[in-house]
C-alpha atoms as a PDB file:
ATOM      1  CA  UNK A   1     115.766 275.950 -14.363  1.00  0.00           C
ATOM      2  CA  UNK A   2     116.248 278.271 -11.439  1.00  0.00           C
ATOM      3  CA  UNK A   3     113.283 280.215 -10.030  1.00  0.00           C
ATOM      4  CA  UNK A   4     114.003 283.683  -8.734  1.00  0.00           C
ATOM      5  CA  UNK A   5     113.900 284.248  -4.964  1.00  0.00           C
ATOM      6  CA  UNK A   6     110.641 285.667  -3.706  1.00  0.00           C
ATOM      7  CA  UNK A   7     110.599 289.361  -2.794  1.00  0.00           C
ATOM      8  CA  UNK A   8     111.332 290.308   0.807  1.00  0.00           C
ATOM      9  CA  UNK A   9     108.335 290.883   3.002  1.00  0.00           C
ATOM     10  CA  UNK A  10     107.150 294.443   3.275  1.00  0.00           C
ATOM     11  CA  UNK A  11     108.243 296.583   6.159  1.00  0.00           C
ATOM     12  CA  UNK A  12     105.871 297.147   9.067  1.00  0.00           C
ATOM     13  CA  UNK A  13     103.356 299.955   8.973  1.00  0.00           C
ATOM     14  CA  UNK A  14     104.760 303.330   9.393  1.00  0.00           C
ATOM     15  CA  UNK A  15     104.595 304.885  12.825  1.00  0.00           C
ATOM     16  CA  UNK A  16     106.058 304.346  16.218  1.00  0.00           C
ATOM     17  CA  UNK A  17     105.799 300.979  17.829  1.00  0.00           C
ATOM     18  CA  UNK A  18     104.732 301.419  21.433  1.00  0.00           C
ATOM     19  CA  UNK A  19     103.608 297.832  22.129  1.00  0.00           C
ATOM     20  CA  UNK A  20     106.071 297.322  25.026  1.00  0.00           C
ATOM     21  CA  UNK A  21     105.440 300.854  26.454  1.00  0.00           C
ATOM     22  CA  UNK A  22     101.604 300.392  26.638  1.00  0.00           C
ATOM     23  CA  UNK A  23     102.122 296.814  28.009  1.00  0.00           C
ATOM     24  CA  UNK A  24     104.444 297.857  30.756  1.00  0.00           C
ATOM     25  CA  UNK A  25     102.384 300.896  31.693  1.00  0.00           C
ATOM     26  CA  UNK A  26      99.275 298.591  31.742  1.00  0.00           C
ATOM     27  CA  UNK A  27     101.024 296.081  34.068  1.00  0.00           C
ATOM     28  CA  UNK A  28     102.203 298.778  36.438  1.00  0.00           C
ATOM     29  CA  UNK A  29      98.766 300.546  36.615  1.00  0.00           C
ATOM     30  CA  UNK A  30      96.927 297.266  36.789  1.00  0.00           C
ATOM     31  CA  UNK A  31      99.009 296.017  39.790  1.00  0.00           C
ATOM     32  CA  UNK A  32      99.487 299.198  41.777  1.00  0.00           C
ATOM     33  CA  UNK A  33      96.580 301.517  41.471  1.00  0.00           C
ATOM     34  CA  UNK A  34      94.002 301.675  38.792  1.00  0.00           C
ATOM     35  CA  UNK A  35      92.650 298.559  37.207  1.00  0.00           C
ATOM     36  CA  UNK A  36      90.824 300.513  34.507  1.00  0.00           C
ATOM     37  CA  UNK A  37      93.923 302.156  33.270  1.00  0.00           C
ATOM     38  CA  UNK A  38      95.675 298.737  33.242  1.00  0.00           C
ATOM     39  CA  UNK A  39      92.791 297.444  30.994  1.00  0.00           C
ATOM     40  CA  UNK A  40      93.022 300.440  28.650  1.00  0.00           C
ATOM     41  CA  UNK A  41      96.873 300.231  28.300  1.00  0.00           C
ATOM     42  CA  UNK A  42      96.568 296.579  27.857  1.00  0.00           C
ATOM     43  CA  UNK A  43      94.118 297.037  24.984  1.00  0.00           C
ATOM     44  CA  UNK A  44      96.390 299.580  23.344  1.00  0.00           C
ATOM     45  CA  UNK A  45      99.367 297.147  23.617  1.00  0.00           C
ATOM     46  CA  UNK A  46      97.310 294.345  21.975  1.00  0.00           C
ATOM     47  CA  UNK A  47      96.249 296.738  19.225  1.00  0.00           C
ATOM     48  CA  UNK A  48      99.885 297.784  18.422  1.00  0.00           C
ATOM     49  CA  UNK A  49     101.084 294.206  18.706  1.00  0.00           C
ATOM     50  CA  UNK A  50      98.611 293.213  15.978  1.00  0.00           C
ATOM     51  CA  UNK A  51      99.574 296.268  13.941  1.00  0.00           C
ATOM     52  CA  UNK A  52     103.335 295.556  14.093  1.00  0.00           C
ATOM     53  CA  UNK A  53     103.353 291.796  14.230  1.00  0.00           C
ATOM     54  CA  UNK A  54     104.596 291.442  17.763  1.00  0.00           C
ATOM     55  CA  UNK A  55     103.563 289.300  20.693  1.00  0.00           C
ATOM     56  CA  UNK A  56     100.488 290.499  22.539  1.00  0.00           C
ATOM     57  CA  UNK A  57     101.479 288.842  25.818  1.00  0.00           C
ATOM     58  CA  UNK A  58     102.207 292.111  27.713  1.00  0.00           C
ATOM     59  CA  UNK A  59      98.753 293.490  26.695  1.00  0.00           C
ATOM     60  CA  UNK A  60      97.005 290.306  28.002  1.00  0.00           C
ATOM     61  CA  UNK A  61      98.996 290.434  31.233  1.00  0.00           C
ATOM     62  CA  UNK A  62      98.027 294.089  31.798  1.00  0.00           C
ATOM     63  CA  UNK A  63      94.343 293.339  31.212  1.00  0.00           C
ATOM     64  CA  UNK A  64      94.520 290.347  33.583  1.00  0.00           C
ATOM     65  CA  UNK A  65      96.112 292.357  36.260  1.00  0.00           C
ATOM     66  CA  UNK A  66      93.668 295.196  35.722  1.00  0.00           C
ATOM     67  CA  UNK A  67      90.734 292.814  36.129  1.00  0.00           C
ATOM     68  CA  UNK A  68      92.260 291.252  39.238  1.00  0.00           C
ATOM     69  CA  UNK A  69      92.788 294.698  40.713  1.00  0.00           C
ATOM     70  CA  UNK A  70      89.153 295.635  40.142  1.00  0.00           C
ATOM     71  CA  UNK A  71      87.782 292.453  41.674  1.00  0.00           C
ATOM     72  CA  UNK A  72      90.087 292.597  44.652  1.00  0.00           C
ATOM     73  CA  UNK A  73      89.214 296.253  45.261  1.00  0.00           C
ATOM     74  CA  UNK A  74      85.509 295.337  45.085  1.00  0.00           C
ATOM     75  CA  UNK A  75      85.975 292.399  47.518  1.00  0.00           C
ATOM     76  CA  UNK A  76      87.934 294.731  50.040  1.00  0.00           C
ATOM     77  CA  UNK A  77      85.239 297.378  49.888  1.00  0.00           C
ATOM     78  CA  UNK A  78      82.434 294.833  50.293  1.00  0.00           C
ATOM     79  CA  UNK A  79      83.974 293.505  53.404  1.00  0.00           C
ATOM     80  CA  UNK A  80      83.958 297.038  54.996  1.00  0.00           C
ATOM     81  CA  UNK A  81      87.693 297.583  55.001  1.00  0.00           C
ATOM     82  CA  UNK A  82      89.048 301.106  54.368  1.00  0.00           C
ATOM     83  CA  UNK A  83      92.114 302.000  52.614  1.00  0.00           C
ATOM     84  CA  UNK A  84      93.075 304.352  55.371  1.00  0.00           C
ATOM     85  CA  UNK A  85      94.953 303.312  58.522  1.00  0.00           C
ATOM     86  CA  UNK A  86      92.921 303.061  61.828  1.00  0.00           C
ATOM     87  CA  UNK A  87      94.395 306.329  63.229  1.00  0.00           C
ATOM     88  CA  UNK A  88      93.358 308.335  60.180  1.00  0.00           C
ATOM     89  CA  UNK A  89      89.553 307.657  60.380  1.00  0.00           C
END
């Protein structure tokens, strides 16, 4: 007796998959300028990764780089350093 094959899995939810876009934007913003934007874009990447069944690695990296940027900025400001060169002050 042969059992029929199970039906194929349903297609992912309708909509655009922007997991990679959010993750890459989060990493760029988290590393270069604004840690808060890195965290926000990382969260968006993780949310879309769960929705579309993809890996949330880029989102977690974006959040980590955003947090590191915020901590490093706080340390630099606490030590009294300025972002401007000495001749600009």
